[in-house]
Amino acid sequence: MKFDYIARYEVFIIVGFLITAGTLIKILGNYDISSDWFWFLAGVGLVVEGSISLVRQKKFDRKYKIIEREN
């Protein structure tokens, strides 16, 4: 799957760094950043995190072939 090469933890770290740096710049009063940009970056971070988790879960399920029991 080509998505593995694009969505790795590096993207998640970069998004987190951008959120942290942007918030710090706004707190220090150097630049007034719209809160819409903060929430946009937070949303991108959540999408990346969810995608990484989904890909890893699918790999795990294929490797160990999880079988559910009926009660």
PDB file of N, CA and C in Angstrom:
ATOM      1  N   MET A   1       0.846  -1.178   0.000  1.00  0.00           N
ATOM      2  CA  MET A   1       0.000   0.000   0.000  1.00  0.00           C
ATOM      3  C   MET A   1       0.890   1.240   0.000  1.00  0.00           C
ATOM      4  N   LYS A   2       0.687   2.159  -0.950  1.00  0.00           N
ATOM      5  CA  LYS A   2       1.512   3.349  -1.056  1.00  0.00           C
ATOM      6  C   LYS A   2       1.265   4.330   0.078  1.00  0.00           C
ATOM      7  N   PHE A   3       0.132   4.201   0.743  1.00  0.00           N
ATOM      8  CA  PHE A   3      -0.199   5.107   1.843  1.00  0.00           C
ATOM      9  C   PHE A   3       0.796   4.959   2.987  1.00  0.00           C
ATOM     10  N   ASP A   4       1.389   3.762   3.132  1.00  0.00           N
ATOM     11  CA  ASP A   4       2.366   3.535   4.195  1.00  0.00           C
ATOM     12  C   ASP A   4       3.554   4.470   4.078  1.00  0.00           C
ATOM     13  N   TYR A   5       3.945   4.770   2.849  1.00  0.00           N
ATOM     14  CA  TYR A   5       5.110   5.616   2.657  1.00  0.00           C
ATOM     15  C   TYR A   5       4.815   7.079   2.933  1.00  0.00           C
ATOM     16  N   ILE A   6       3.577   7.491   2.727  1.00  0.00           N
ATOM     17  CA  ILE A   6       3.214   8.896   2.911  1.00  0.00           C
ATOM     18  C   ILE A   6       2.854   9.187   4.360  1.00  0.00           C
ATOM     19  N   ALA A   7       1.970   8.380   4.945  1.00  0.00           N
ATOM     20  CA  ALA A   7       1.441   8.658   6.291  1.00  0.00           C
ATOM     21  C   ALA A   7       2.228   7.884   7.328  1.00  0.00           C
ATOM     22  N   ARG A   8       3.315   8.441   7.723  1.00  0.00           N
ATOM     23  CA  ARG A   8       4.094   7.872   8.806  1.00  0.00           C
ATOM     24  C   ARG A   8       4.082   8.851   9.961  1.00  0.00           C
ATOM     25  N   TYR A   9       4.770   8.507  10.965  1.00  0.00           N
ATOM     26  CA  TYR A   9       4.778   9.358  12.148  1.00  0.00           C
ATOM     27  C   TYR A   9       5.446  10.706  11.900  1.00  0.00           C
ATOM     28  N   GLU A  10       6.277  10.805  10.866  1.00  0.00           N
ATOM     29  CA  GLU A  10       6.929  12.077  10.584  1.00  0.00           C
ATOM     30  C   GLU A  10       5.902  13.169  10.302  1.00  0.00           C
ATOM     31  N   VAL A  11       4.856  12.838   9.539  1.00  0.00           N
ATOM     32  CA  VAL A  11       3.816  13.816   9.220  1.00  0.00           C
ATOM     33  C   VAL A  11       3.104  14.248  10.497  1.00  0.00           C
ATOM     34  N   PHE A  12       2.827  13.308  11.368  1.00  0.00           N
ATOM     35  CA  PHE A  12       2.147  13.614  12.625  1.00  0.00           C
ATOM     36  C   PHE A  12       3.015  14.526  13.498  1.00  0.00           C
ATOM     37  N   ILE A  13       4.310  14.274  13.526  1.00  0.00           N
ATOM     38  CA  ILE A  13       5.224  15.104  14.313  1.00  0.00           C
ATOM     39  C   ILE A  13       5.295  16.512  13.728  1.00  0.00           C
ATOM     40  N   ILE A  14       5.331  16.627  12.407  1.00  0.00           N
ATOM     41  CA  ILE A  14       5.384  17.944  11.760  1.00  0.00           C
ATOM     42  C   ILE A  14       4.122  18.748  12.072  1.00  0.00           C
ATOM     43  N   VAL A  15       2.959  18.113  11.978  1.00  0.00           N
ATOM     44  CA  VAL A  15       1.705  18.806  12.276  1.00  0.00           C
ATOM     45  C   VAL A  15       1.682  19.251  13.737  1.00  0.00           C
ATOM     46  N   GLY A  16       2.117  18.386  14.630  1.00  0.00           N
ATOM     47  CA  GLY A  16       2.185  18.751  16.051  1.00  0.00           C
ATOM     48  C   GLY A  16       3.124  19.908  16.301  1.00  0.00           C
ATOM     49  N   PHE A  17       4.254  19.913  15.612  1.00  0.00           N
ATOM     50  CA  PHE A  17       5.198  21.015  15.748  1.00  0.00           C
ATOM     51  C   PHE A  17       4.586  22.323  15.245  1.00  0.00           C
ATOM     52  N   LEU A  18       3.878  22.274  14.114  1.00  0.00           N
ATOM     53  CA  LEU A  18       3.238  23.477  13.578  1.00  0.00           C
ATOM     54  C   LEU A  18       2.188  24.032  14.534  1.00  0.00           C
ATOM     55  N   ILE A  19       1.408  23.132  15.151  1.00  0.00           N
ATOM     56  CA  ILE A  19       0.402  23.579  16.112  1.00  0.00           C
ATOM     57  C   ILE A  19       1.084  24.234  17.319  1.00  0.00           C
ATOM     58  N   THR A  20       2.131  23.597  17.821  1.00  0.00           N
ATOM     59  CA  THR A  20       2.841  24.131  18.983  1.00  0.00           C
ATOM     60  C   THR A  20       3.497  25.476  18.671  1.00  0.00           C
ATOM     61  N   ALA A  21       4.178  25.548  17.541  1.00  0.00           N
ATOM     62  CA  ALA A  21       4.857  26.793  17.179  1.00  0.00           C
ATOM     63  C   ALA A  21       3.848  27.914  16.940  1.00  0.00           C
ATOM     64  N   GLY A  22       2.765  27.609  16.243  1.00  0.00           N
ATOM     65  CA  GLY A  22       1.747  28.627  15.982  1.00  0.00           C
ATOM     66  C   GLY A  22       1.108  29.151  17.254  1.00  0.00           C
ATOM     67  N   THR A  23       0.827  28.239  18.183  1.00  0.00           N
ATOM     68  CA  THR A  23       0.238  28.651  19.454  1.00  0.00           C
ATOM     69  C   THR A  23       1.212  29.504  20.262  1.00  0.00           C
ATOM     70  N   LEU A  24       2.469  29.115  20.275  1.00  0.00           N
ATOM     71  CA  LEU A  24       3.477  29.882  21.012  1.00  0.00           C
ATOM     72  C   LEU A  24       3.644  31.277  20.419  1.00  0.00           C
ATOM     73  N   ILE A  25       3.659  31.374  19.094  1.00  0.00           N
ATOM     74  CA  ILE A  25       3.777  32.683  18.440  1.00  0.00           C
ATOM     75  C   ILE A  25       2.585  33.567  18.786  1.00  0.00           C
ATOM     76  N   LYS A  26       1.398  32.968  18.820  1.00  0.00           N
ATOM     77  CA  LYS A  26       0.205  33.756  19.155  1.00  0.00           C
ATOM     78  C   LYS A  26       0.227  34.193  20.620  1.00  0.00           C
ATOM     79  N   ILE A  27       0.658  33.303  21.519  1.00  0.00           N
ATOM     80  CA  ILE A  27       0.717  33.642  22.949  1.00  0.00           C
ATOM     81  C   ILE A  27       1.709  34.775  23.198  1.00  0.00           C
ATOM     82  N   LEU A  28       2.855  34.729  22.536  1.00  0.00           N
ATOM     83  CA  LEU A  28       3.866  35.763  22.726  1.00  0.00           C
ATOM     84  C   LEU A  28       3.473  37.090  22.073  1.00  0.00           C
ATOM     85  N   GLY A  29       2.434  37.068  21.252  1.00  0.00           N
ATOM     86  CA  GLY A  29       1.926  38.294  20.657  1.00  0.00           C
ATOM     87  C   GLY A  29       2.680  38.750  19.429  1.00  0.00           C
ATOM     88  N   ASN A  30       3.536  37.891  18.886  1.00  0.00           N
ATOM     89  CA  ASN A  30       4.293  38.276  17.698  1.00  0.00           C
ATOM     90  C   ASN A  30       3.420  38.334  16.449  1.00  0.00           C
ATOM     91  N   TYR A  31       2.425  37.483  16.382  1.00  0.00           N
ATOM     92  CA  TYR A  31       1.584  37.391  15.197  1.00  0.00           C
ATOM     93  C   TYR A  31       0.205  36.910  15.620  1.00  0.00           C
ATOM     94  N   ASP A  32      -0.815  37.459  15.026  1.00  0.00           N
ATOM     95  CA  ASP A  32      -2.176  37.054  15.372  1.00  0.00           C
ATOM     96  C   ASP A  32      -2.674  36.024  14.350  1.00  0.00           C
ATOM     97  N   ILE A  33      -2.675  34.767  14.762  1.00  0.00           N
ATOM     98  CA  ILE A  33      -3.092  33.671  13.892  1.00  0.00           C
ATOM     99  C   ILE A  33      -4.553  33.360  14.179  1.00  0.00           C
ATOM    100  N   SER A  34      -5.327  33.199  13.131  1.00  0.00           N
ATOM    101  CA  SER A  34      -6.741  32.861  13.277  1.00  0.00           C
ATOM    102  C   SER A  34      -6.877  31.476  13.908  1.00  0.00           C
ATOM    103  N   SER A  35      -7.858  31.316  14.766  1.00  0.00           N
ATOM    104  CA  SER A  35      -8.079  30.019  15.403  1.00  0.00           C
ATOM    105  C   SER A  35      -8.533  28.972  14.394  1.00  0.00           C
ATOM    106  N   ASP A  36      -9.049  29.409  13.247  1.00  0.00           N
ATOM    107  CA  ASP A  36      -9.432  28.461  12.207  1.00  0.00           C
ATOM    108  C   ASP A  36      -8.232  27.663  11.715  1.00  0.00           C
ATOM    109  N   TRP A  37      -7.056  28.302  11.630  1.00  0.00           N
ATOM    110  CA  TRP A  37      -5.852  27.592  11.214  1.00  0.00           C
ATOM    111  C   TRP A  37      -5.432  26.554  12.254  1.00  0.00           C
ATOM    112  N   PHE A  38      -5.588  26.921  13.526  1.00  0.00           N
ATOM    113  CA  PHE A  38      -5.270  25.961  14.583  1.00  0.00           C
ATOM    114  C   PHE A  38      -6.139  24.716  14.455  1.00  0.00           C
ATOM    115  N   TRP A  39      -7.437  24.908  14.282  1.00  0.00           N
ATOM    116  CA  TRP A  39      -8.345  23.764  14.188  1.00  0.00           C
ATOM    117  C   TRP A  39      -8.152  22.986  12.891  1.00  0.00           C
ATOM    118  N   PHE A  40      -7.756  23.675  11.840  1.00  0.00           N
ATOM    119  CA  PHE A  40      -7.427  22.982  10.595  1.00  0.00           C
ATOM    120  C   PHE A  40      -6.246  22.047  10.809  1.00  0.00           C
ATOM    121  N   LEU A  41      -5.187  22.560  11.440  1.00  0.00           N
ATOM    122  CA  LEU A  41      -4.011  21.720  11.701  1.00  0.00           C
ATOM    123  C   LEU A  41      -4.338  20.591  12.673  1.00  0.00           C
ATOM    124  N   ALA A  42      -5.172  20.864  13.663  1.00  0.00           N
ATOM    125  CA  ALA A  42      -5.585  19.813  14.597  1.00  0.00           C
ATOM    126  C   ALA A  42      -6.355  18.719  13.851  1.00  0.00           C
ATOM    127  N   GLY A  43      -7.229  19.110  12.941  1.00  0.00           N
ATOM    128  CA  GLY A  43      -7.973  18.140  12.142  1.00  0.00           C
ATOM    129  C   GLY A  43      -7.068  17.307  11.257  1.00  0.00           C
ATOM    130  N   VAL A  44      -6.072  17.949  10.644  1.00  0.00           N
ATOM    131  CA  VAL A  44      -5.113  17.210   9.816  1.00  0.00           C
ATOM    132  C   VAL A  44      -4.355  16.208  10.674  1.00  0.00           C
ATOM    133  N   GLY A  45      -3.968  16.632  11.866  1.00  0.00           N
ATOM    134  CA  GLY A  45      -3.269  15.717  12.781  1.00  0.00           C
ATOM    135  C   GLY A  45      -4.115  14.516  13.150  1.00  0.00           C
ATOM    136  N   LEU A  46      -5.397  14.741  13.394  1.00  0.00           N
ATOM    137  CA  LEU A  46      -6.287  13.627  13.729  1.00  0.00           C
ATOM    138  C   LEU A  46      -6.476  12.675  12.552  1.00  0.00           C
ATOM    139  N   VAL A  47      -6.586  13.224  11.363  1.00  0.00           N
ATOM    140  CA  VAL A  47      -6.731  12.380  10.176  1.00  0.00           C
ATOM    141  C   VAL A  47      -5.481  11.530   9.967  1.00  0.00           C
ATOM    142  N   VAL A  48      -4.317  12.128  10.126  1.00  0.00           N
ATOM    143  CA  VAL A  48      -3.061  11.386   9.967  1.00  0.00           C
ATOM    144  C   VAL A  48      -2.946  10.306  11.034  1.00  0.00           C
ATOM    145  N   GLU A  49      -3.246  10.648  12.270  1.00  0.00           N
ATOM    146  CA  GLU A  49      -3.165   9.667  13.359  1.00  0.00           C
ATOM    147  C   GLU A  49      -4.141   8.516  13.129  1.00  0.00           C
ATOM    148  N   GLY A  50      -5.357   8.834  12.742  1.00  0.00           N
ATOM    149  CA  GLY A  50      -6.347   7.789  12.471  1.00  0.00           C
ATOM    150  C   GLY A  50      -5.940   6.909  11.314  1.00  0.00           C
ATOM    151  N   SER A  51      -5.360   7.499  10.283  1.00  0.00           N
ATOM    152  CA  SER A  51      -4.925   6.727   9.125  1.00  0.00           C
ATOM    153  C   SER A  51      -3.787   5.776   9.481  1.00  0.00           C
ATOM    154  N   ILE A  52      -2.847   6.266  10.267  1.00  0.00           N
ATOM    155  CA  ILE A  52      -1.741   5.412  10.709  1.00  0.00           C
ATOM    156  C   ILE A  52      -2.271   4.247  11.529  1.00  0.00           C
ATOM    157  N   SER A  53      -3.187   4.516  12.443  1.00  0.00           N
ATOM    158  CA  SER A  53      -3.758   3.459  13.276  1.00  0.00           C
ATOM    159  C   SER A  53      -4.524   2.445  12.436  1.00  0.00           C
ATOM    160  N   LEU A  54      -5.288   2.920  11.458  1.00  0.00           N
ATOM    161  CA  LEU A  54      -6.060   2.023  10.604  1.00  0.00           C
ATOM    162  C   LEU A  54      -5.154   1.107   9.793  1.00  0.00           C
ATOM    163  N   VAL A  55      -4.098   1.672   9.209  1.00  0.00           N
ATOM    164  CA  VAL A  55      -3.171   0.866   8.410  1.00  0.00           C
ATOM    165  C   VAL A  55      -2.492  -0.179   9.285  1.00  0.00           C
ATOM    166  N   ARG A  56      -2.049   0.225  10.458  1.00  0.00           N
ATOM    167  CA  ARG A  56      -1.373  -0.729  11.351  1.00  0.00           C
ATOM    168  C   ARG A  56      -2.329  -1.815  11.851  1.00  0.00           C
ATOM    169  N   GLN A  57      -3.581  -1.464  12.120  1.00  0.00           N
ATOM    170  CA  GLN A  57      -4.556  -2.448  12.573  1.00  0.00           C
ATOM    171  C   GLN A  57      -4.856  -3.462  11.477  1.00  0.00           C
ATOM    172  N   LYS A  58      -4.968  -2.985  10.239  1.00  0.00           N
ATOM    173  CA  LYS A  58      -5.217  -3.905   9.123  1.00  0.00           C
ATOM    174  C   LYS A  58      -4.050  -4.861   8.932  1.00  0.00           C
ATOM    175  N   LYS A  59      -2.822  -4.362   9.065  1.00  0.00           N
ATOM    176  CA  LYS A  59      -1.644  -5.233   8.971  1.00  0.00           C
ATOM    177  C   LYS A  59      -1.668  -6.281  10.080  1.00  0.00           C
ATOM    178  N   PHE A  60      -1.997  -5.859  11.289  1.00  0.00           N
ATOM    179  CA  PHE A  60      -2.062  -6.776  12.422  1.00  0.00           C
ATOM    180  C   PHE A  60      -3.124  -7.843  12.190  1.00  0.00           C
ATOM    181  N   ASP A  61      -4.310  -7.416  11.737  1.00  0.00           N
ATOM    182  CA  ASP A  61      -5.396  -8.366  11.505  1.00  0.00           C
ATOM    183  C   ASP A  61      -5.032  -9.380  10.426  1.00  0.00           C
ATOM    184  N   ARG A  62      -4.361  -8.922   9.362  1.00  0.00           N
ATOM    185  CA  ARG A  62      -3.951  -9.855   8.308  1.00  0.00           C
ATOM    186  C   ARG A  62      -2.882 -10.822   8.804  1.00  0.00           C
ATOM    187  N   LYS A  63      -1.982 -10.342   9.636  1.00  0.00           N
ATOM    188  CA  LYS A  63      -0.883 -11.181  10.118  1.00  0.00           C
ATOM    189  C   LYS A  63      -1.382 -12.255  11.082  1.00  0.00           C
ATOM    190  N   TYR A  64      -2.305 -11.889  11.983  1.00  0.00           N
ATOM    191  CA  TYR A  64      -2.729 -12.820  13.017  1.00  0.00           C
ATOM    192  C   TYR A  64      -4.127 -13.375  12.786  1.00  0.00           C
ATOM    193  N   LYS A  65      -4.807 -12.948  11.726  1.00  0.00           N
ATOM    194  CA  LYS A  65      -6.124 -13.457  11.353  1.00  0.00           C
ATOM    195  C   LYS A  65      -7.056 -13.588  12.550  1.00  0.00           C
ATOM    196  N   ILE A  66      -7.523 -12.476  13.043  1.00  0.00           N
ATOM    197  CA  ILE A  66      -8.385 -12.416  14.200  1.00  0.00           C
ATOM    198  C   ILE A  66      -9.731 -13.075  13.871  1.00  0.00           C
ATOM    199  N   ILE A  67     -10.156 -13.972  14.726  1.00  0.00           N
ATOM    200  CA  ILE A  67     -11.425 -14.675  14.549  1.00  0.00           C
ATOM    201  C   ILE A  67     -12.309 -14.353  15.753  1.00  0.00           C
ATOM    202  N   GLU A  68     -13.538 -13.922  15.480  1.00  0.00           N
ATOM    203  CA  GLU A  68     -14.460 -13.602  16.562  1.00  0.00           C
ATOM    204  C   GLU A  68     -15.331 -14.824  16.864  1.00  0.00           C
ATOM    205  N   ARG A  69     -15.557 -15.061  18.149  1.00  0.00           N
ATOM    206  CA  ARG A  69     -16.419 -16.162  18.582  1.00  0.00           C
ATOM    207  C   ARG A  69     -17.836 -15.693  18.756  1.00  0.00           C
ATOM    208  N   GLU A  70     -18.780 -16.560  18.443  1.00  0.00           N
ATOM    209  CA  GLU A  70     -20.175 -16.255  18.695  1.00  0.00           C
ATOM    210  C   GLU A  70     -20.536 -16.746  20.087  1.00  0.00           C
ATOM    211  N   ASN A  71     -21.355 -16.029  20.809  1.00  0.00           N
ATOM    212  CA  ASN A  71     -21.751 -16.424  22.170  1.00  0.00           C
ATOM    213  C   ASN A  71     -22.936 -17.348  22.156  1.00  0.00           C
TER     214      ASN A  71
END
